[in-house]
């Protein structure tokens, strides 16, 4: 029997709103507010992912900085500066994210 394929959905119960169909259709204002909440959640997820990416790049830069003669001197120096700077940038993103208003 060929039924629909099921997809695992990540558990985000803290940010998921279930729409009660018995309430009737959404008004335009309700829909705008719901879409704005969803957009803010997506933006937050993207910022969090960017912070993780910056942390990963900092680790890679540190590996290159410590890579010895396999890497050119200028590359090691730049990687060393990035390894020092990127974690601060990631932390700055997290601070700004935590300052933003929550719903």
N, C-alpha and C. Protein backbone atom coordinates (compact mmCIF):
# COMPACT_ATOMS: atom_id res chain seq x y z
N UNK A 1 0.82 -1.17 0.00
CA UNK A 1 0.00 0.00 0.00
C UNK A 1 0.87 1.24 0.00
N UNK A 2 0.63 2.11 -0.91
CA UNK A 2 1.43 3.34 -1.01
C UNK A 2 0.70 4.48 -0.33
N UNK A 3 1.15 4.82 0.87
CA UNK A 3 0.57 5.93 1.61
C UNK A 3 1.49 7.13 1.54
N UNK A 4 1.11 8.21 2.17
CA UNK A 4 1.97 9.39 2.17
C UNK A 4 3.23 9.14 2.99
N UNK A 5 4.31 9.74 2.55
CA UNK A 5 5.56 9.64 3.29
C UNK A 5 5.48 10.53 4.52
N UNK A 6 6.02 10.06 5.61
CA UNK A 6 6.03 10.84 6.85
C UNK A 6 7.38 11.50 7.01
N UNK A 7 7.36 12.70 7.51
CA UNK A 7 8.58 13.46 7.74
C UNK A 7 8.69 13.77 9.21
N UNK A 8 9.87 13.55 9.77
CA UNK A 8 10.11 13.88 11.17
C UNK A 8 10.24 15.38 11.30
N UNK A 9 9.47 15.96 12.20
CA UNK A 9 9.49 17.40 12.43
C UNK A 9 10.17 17.64 13.76
N UNK A 10 11.16 18.55 13.81
CA UNK A 10 11.84 18.83 15.07
C UNK A 10 10.85 19.33 16.12
N UNK A 11 11.07 18.95 17.36
CA UNK A 11 10.20 19.35 18.45
C UNK A 11 10.52 20.78 18.85
N UNK A 12 9.64 21.67 18.51
CA UNK A 12 9.78 23.08 18.86
C UNK A 12 8.50 23.53 19.56
N UNK A 13 8.04 22.72 20.51
CA UNK A 13 6.78 22.98 21.19
C UNK A 13 6.77 24.34 21.87
N UNK A 14 7.92 24.85 22.26
CA UNK A 14 7.97 26.14 22.93
C UNK A 14 7.66 27.29 21.99
N UNK A 15 7.76 27.08 20.68
CA UNK A 15 7.54 28.18 19.75
C UNK A 15 6.44 27.88 18.73
N UNK A 16 5.76 26.78 18.89
CA UNK A 16 4.74 26.40 17.92
C UNK A 16 3.37 26.79 18.46
N UNK A 17 2.61 27.43 17.60
CA UNK A 17 1.24 27.79 17.97
C UNK A 17 0.30 26.94 17.14
N UNK A 18 -0.60 26.25 17.80
CA UNK A 18 -1.57 25.44 17.10
C UNK A 18 -2.81 26.30 16.86
N UNK A 19 -3.27 26.34 15.63
CA UNK A 19 -4.43 27.15 15.29
C UNK A 19 -5.68 26.33 15.52
N UNK A 20 -6.60 26.88 16.26
CA UNK A 20 -7.86 26.22 16.59
C UNK A 20 -8.85 26.52 15.47
N UNK A 21 -9.18 25.50 14.67
CA UNK A 21 -10.07 25.70 13.53
C UNK A 21 -11.49 26.08 13.95
N UNK A 22 -11.88 25.74 15.17
CA UNK A 22 -13.23 26.07 15.62
C UNK A 22 -13.41 27.56 15.86
N UNK A 23 -12.31 28.33 15.92
CA UNK A 23 -12.39 29.78 16.11
C UNK A 23 -12.82 30.48 14.84
N UNK A 24 -12.82 29.81 13.75
CA UNK A 24 -13.15 30.46 12.49
C UNK A 24 -11.90 30.98 11.81
N UNK A 25 -12.07 31.63 10.67
CA UNK A 25 -10.90 32.12 9.93
C UNK A 25 -10.21 33.26 10.66
N UNK A 26 -8.92 33.37 10.41
CA UNK A 26 -8.13 34.45 10.99
C UNK A 26 -8.54 35.78 10.37
N UNK A 27 -8.52 36.81 11.17
CA UNK A 27 -8.68 38.15 10.61
C UNK A 27 -7.36 38.55 9.99
N UNK A 28 -7.37 39.59 9.20
CA UNK A 28 -6.14 40.07 8.58
C UNK A 28 -5.13 40.45 9.65
N UNK A 29 -5.59 41.12 10.70
CA UNK A 29 -4.69 41.53 11.79
C UNK A 29 -4.08 40.32 12.48
N UNK A 30 -4.88 39.31 12.75
CA UNK A 30 -4.36 38.09 13.39
C UNK A 30 -3.34 37.41 12.49
N UNK A 31 -3.63 37.37 11.20
CA UNK A 31 -2.70 36.72 10.27
C UNK A 31 -1.38 37.48 10.20
N UNK A 32 -1.45 38.82 10.14
CA UNK A 32 -0.23 39.64 10.10
C UNK A 32 0.60 39.39 11.35
N UNK A 33 -0.03 39.39 12.51
CA UNK A 33 0.70 39.15 13.77
C UNK A 33 1.33 37.76 13.79
N UNK A 34 0.57 36.76 13.34
CA UNK A 34 1.11 35.39 13.31
C UNK A 34 2.31 35.31 12.38
N UNK A 35 2.20 35.90 11.20
CA UNK A 35 3.30 35.86 10.24
C UNK A 35 4.51 36.63 10.74
N UNK A 36 4.29 37.74 11.45
CA UNK A 36 5.40 38.48 12.03
C UNK A 36 6.11 37.65 13.10
N UNK A 37 5.34 36.94 13.94
CA UNK A 37 5.95 36.06 14.95
C UNK A 37 6.79 34.98 14.27
N UNK A 38 6.22 34.38 13.22
CA UNK A 38 6.96 33.33 12.51
C UNK A 38 8.24 33.89 11.89
N UNK A 39 8.17 35.08 11.31
CA UNK A 39 9.36 35.69 10.70
C UNK A 39 10.42 35.95 11.76
N UNK A 40 10.02 36.43 12.95
CA UNK A 40 10.99 36.68 14.02
C UNK A 40 11.63 35.37 14.48
N UNK A 41 10.83 34.30 14.57
CA UNK A 41 11.39 33.00 14.97
C UNK A 41 12.40 32.51 13.94
N UNK A 42 12.07 32.64 12.67
CA UNK A 42 13.00 32.22 11.62
C UNK A 42 14.27 33.05 11.65
N UNK A 43 14.14 34.34 11.86
CA UNK A 43 15.32 35.20 11.95
C UNK A 43 16.19 34.80 13.13
N UNK A 44 15.56 34.50 14.27
CA UNK A 44 16.31 34.07 15.45
C UNK A 44 17.07 32.78 15.17
N UNK A 45 16.41 31.82 14.52
CA UNK A 45 17.07 30.56 14.19
C UNK A 45 18.27 30.80 13.28
N UNK A 46 18.13 31.72 12.31
CA UNK A 46 19.23 31.99 11.39
C UNK A 46 20.40 32.66 12.11
N UNK A 47 20.10 33.56 13.02
CA UNK A 47 21.17 34.23 13.79
C UNK A 47 21.89 33.22 14.67
N UNK A 48 21.14 32.32 15.31
CA UNK A 48 21.76 31.28 16.14
C UNK A 48 22.66 30.39 15.29
N UNK A 49 22.21 30.04 14.09
CA UNK A 49 23.02 29.21 13.19
C UNK A 49 24.29 29.95 12.77
N UNK A 50 24.15 31.25 12.51
CA UNK A 50 25.33 32.04 12.15
C UNK A 50 26.34 32.07 13.28
N UNK A 51 25.88 32.20 14.52
CA UNK A 51 26.79 32.16 15.67
C UNK A 51 27.53 30.84 15.75
N UNK A 52 26.81 29.73 15.52
CA UNK A 52 27.47 28.42 15.52
C UNK A 52 28.49 28.32 14.38
N UNK A 53 28.13 28.87 13.21
CA UNK A 53 29.07 28.86 12.08
C UNK A 53 30.33 29.66 12.40
N UNK A 54 30.17 30.80 13.03
CA UNK A 54 31.34 31.61 13.41
C UNK A 54 32.22 30.86 14.39
N UNK A 55 31.61 30.16 15.36
CA UNK A 55 32.39 29.36 16.30
C UNK A 55 33.16 28.25 15.58
N UNK A 56 32.50 27.60 14.60
CA UNK A 56 33.16 26.55 13.83
C UNK A 56 34.33 27.12 13.02
N UNK A 57 34.11 28.28 12.41
CA UNK A 57 35.19 28.91 11.64
C UNK A 57 36.36 29.31 12.53
N UNK A 58 36.06 29.76 13.74
CA UNK A 58 37.13 30.12 14.68
C UNK A 58 37.97 28.90 15.02
N UNK A 59 37.32 27.76 15.21
CA UNK A 59 38.08 26.53 15.50
C UNK A 59 38.95 26.14 14.31
N UNK A 60 38.41 26.24 13.11
CA UNK A 60 39.19 25.91 11.92
C UNK A 60 40.36 26.88 11.76
N UNK A 61 40.10 28.15 12.00
CA UNK A 61 41.17 29.16 11.90
C UNK A 61 42.27 28.87 12.90
N UNK A 62 41.91 28.44 14.11
CA UNK A 62 42.91 28.10 15.12
C UNK A 62 43.76 26.92 14.68
N UNK A 63 43.13 25.93 14.06
CA UNK A 63 43.88 24.78 13.55
C UNK A 63 44.89 25.22 12.49
N UNK A 64 44.47 26.13 11.62
CA UNK A 64 45.38 26.63 10.58
C UNK A 64 46.50 27.45 11.21
N UNK A 65 46.14 28.29 12.16
CA UNK A 65 47.15 29.13 12.82
C UNK A 65 48.22 28.28 13.50
N UNK A 66 47.83 27.12 13.99
CA UNK A 66 48.77 26.23 14.67
C UNK A 66 49.33 25.18 13.72
N UNK A 67 49.07 25.31 12.42
CA UNK A 67 49.43 24.29 11.45
C UNK A 67 50.88 24.24 11.06
N UNK A 68 51.65 25.16 11.54
CA UNK A 68 53.08 25.11 11.26
C UNK A 68 53.41 25.45 9.82
N UNK A 69 54.53 24.93 9.37
CA UNK A 69 55.10 25.27 8.06
C UNK A 69 54.24 24.81 6.89
N UNK A 70 53.23 24.01 7.13
CA UNK A 70 52.36 23.57 6.03
C UNK A 70 51.60 24.75 5.45
N UNK A 71 51.43 25.80 6.25
CA UNK A 71 50.70 26.99 5.80
C UNK A 71 51.66 28.17 5.69
N UNK A 72 51.39 29.03 4.72
CA UNK A 72 52.21 30.22 4.54
C UNK A 72 52.11 31.11 5.78
N UNK A 73 53.17 31.86 6.06
CA UNK A 73 53.22 32.71 7.25
C UNK A 73 52.04 33.68 7.28
N UNK A 74 51.74 34.35 6.17
CA UNK A 74 50.64 35.29 6.13
C UNK A 74 49.29 34.64 6.41
N UNK A 75 49.12 33.42 5.92
CA UNK A 75 47.88 32.68 6.16
C UNK A 75 47.74 32.35 7.64
N UNK A 76 48.84 31.89 8.25
CA UNK A 76 48.79 31.56 9.68
C UNK A 76 48.48 32.80 10.51
N UNK A 77 49.08 33.94 10.16
CA UNK A 77 48.84 35.17 10.91
C UNK A 77 47.38 35.61 10.79
N UNK A 78 46.85 35.55 9.57
CA UNK A 78 45.45 35.94 9.38
C UNK A 78 44.52 34.97 10.12
N UNK A 79 44.82 33.70 10.04
CA UNK A 79 44.00 32.71 10.74
C UNK A 79 44.06 32.93 12.25
N UNK A 80 45.21 33.30 12.76
CA UNK A 80 45.35 33.58 14.18
C UNK A 80 44.46 34.75 14.60
N UNK A 81 44.45 35.80 13.79
CA UNK A 81 43.60 36.96 14.09
C UNK A 81 42.12 36.59 14.02
N UNK A 82 41.75 35.81 13.01
CA UNK A 82 40.36 35.37 12.89
C UNK A 82 39.95 34.49 14.07
N UNK A 83 40.85 33.60 14.49
CA UNK A 83 40.55 32.72 15.61
C UNK A 83 40.29 33.51 16.88
N UNK A 84 40.95 34.65 17.01
CA UNK A 84 40.74 35.50 18.19
C UNK A 84 39.48 36.35 18.05
N UNK A 85 39.17 36.77 16.84
CA UNK A 85 38.08 37.72 16.61
C UNK A 85 36.71 37.06 16.46
N UNK A 86 36.64 35.94 15.78
CA UNK A 86 35.34 35.32 15.47
C UNK A 86 34.53 34.92 16.70
N UNK A 87 35.12 34.35 17.74
CA UNK A 87 34.30 34.03 18.92
C UNK A 87 33.67 35.28 19.55
N UNK A 88 34.39 36.40 19.51
CA UNK A 88 33.84 37.66 20.04
C UNK A 88 32.67 38.12 19.18
N UNK A 89 32.77 37.96 17.89
CA UNK A 89 31.67 38.32 16.99
C UNK A 89 30.46 37.43 17.24
N UNK A 90 30.70 36.14 17.43
CA UNK A 90 29.59 35.22 17.70
C UNK A 90 28.91 35.57 19.03
N UNK A 91 29.71 35.90 20.03
CA UNK A 91 29.15 36.29 21.32
C UNK A 91 28.36 37.59 21.19
N UNK A 92 28.86 38.52 20.39
CA UNK A 92 28.14 39.76 20.15
C UNK A 92 26.77 39.52 19.52
N UNK A 93 26.72 38.59 18.57
CA UNK A 93 25.43 38.23 17.98
C UNK A 93 24.47 37.69 19.04
N UNK A 94 24.99 36.84 19.91
CA UNK A 94 24.13 36.25 20.95
C UNK A 94 23.61 37.32 21.91
N UNK A 95 24.47 38.27 22.25
CA UNK A 95 24.04 39.35 23.14
C UNK A 95 22.94 40.17 22.48
N UNK A 96 23.14 40.52 21.22
CA UNK A 96 22.12 41.30 20.51
C UNK A 96 20.82 40.52 20.38
N UNK A 97 20.94 39.23 20.14
CA UNK A 97 19.74 38.39 20.02
C UNK A 97 18.98 38.34 21.34
N UNK A 98 19.69 38.26 22.45
CA UNK A 98 19.04 38.20 23.75
C UNK A 98 18.41 39.54 24.15
N UNK A 99 18.91 40.63 23.58
CA UNK A 99 18.34 41.94 23.85
C UNK A 99 17.06 42.20 23.09
N UNK A 100 16.86 41.49 21.98
CA UNK A 100 15.69 41.76 21.14
C UNK A 100 14.42 41.38 21.88
N UNK A 101 13.34 42.10 21.64
CA UNK A 101 12.08 41.84 22.35
C UNK A 101 11.53 40.46 22.00
N UNK A 102 10.98 39.82 23.01
CA UNK A 102 10.36 38.50 22.83
C UNK A 102 8.85 38.67 22.82
N UNK A 103 8.19 37.76 22.12
CA UNK A 103 6.71 37.76 22.12
C UNK A 103 6.15 37.16 23.37
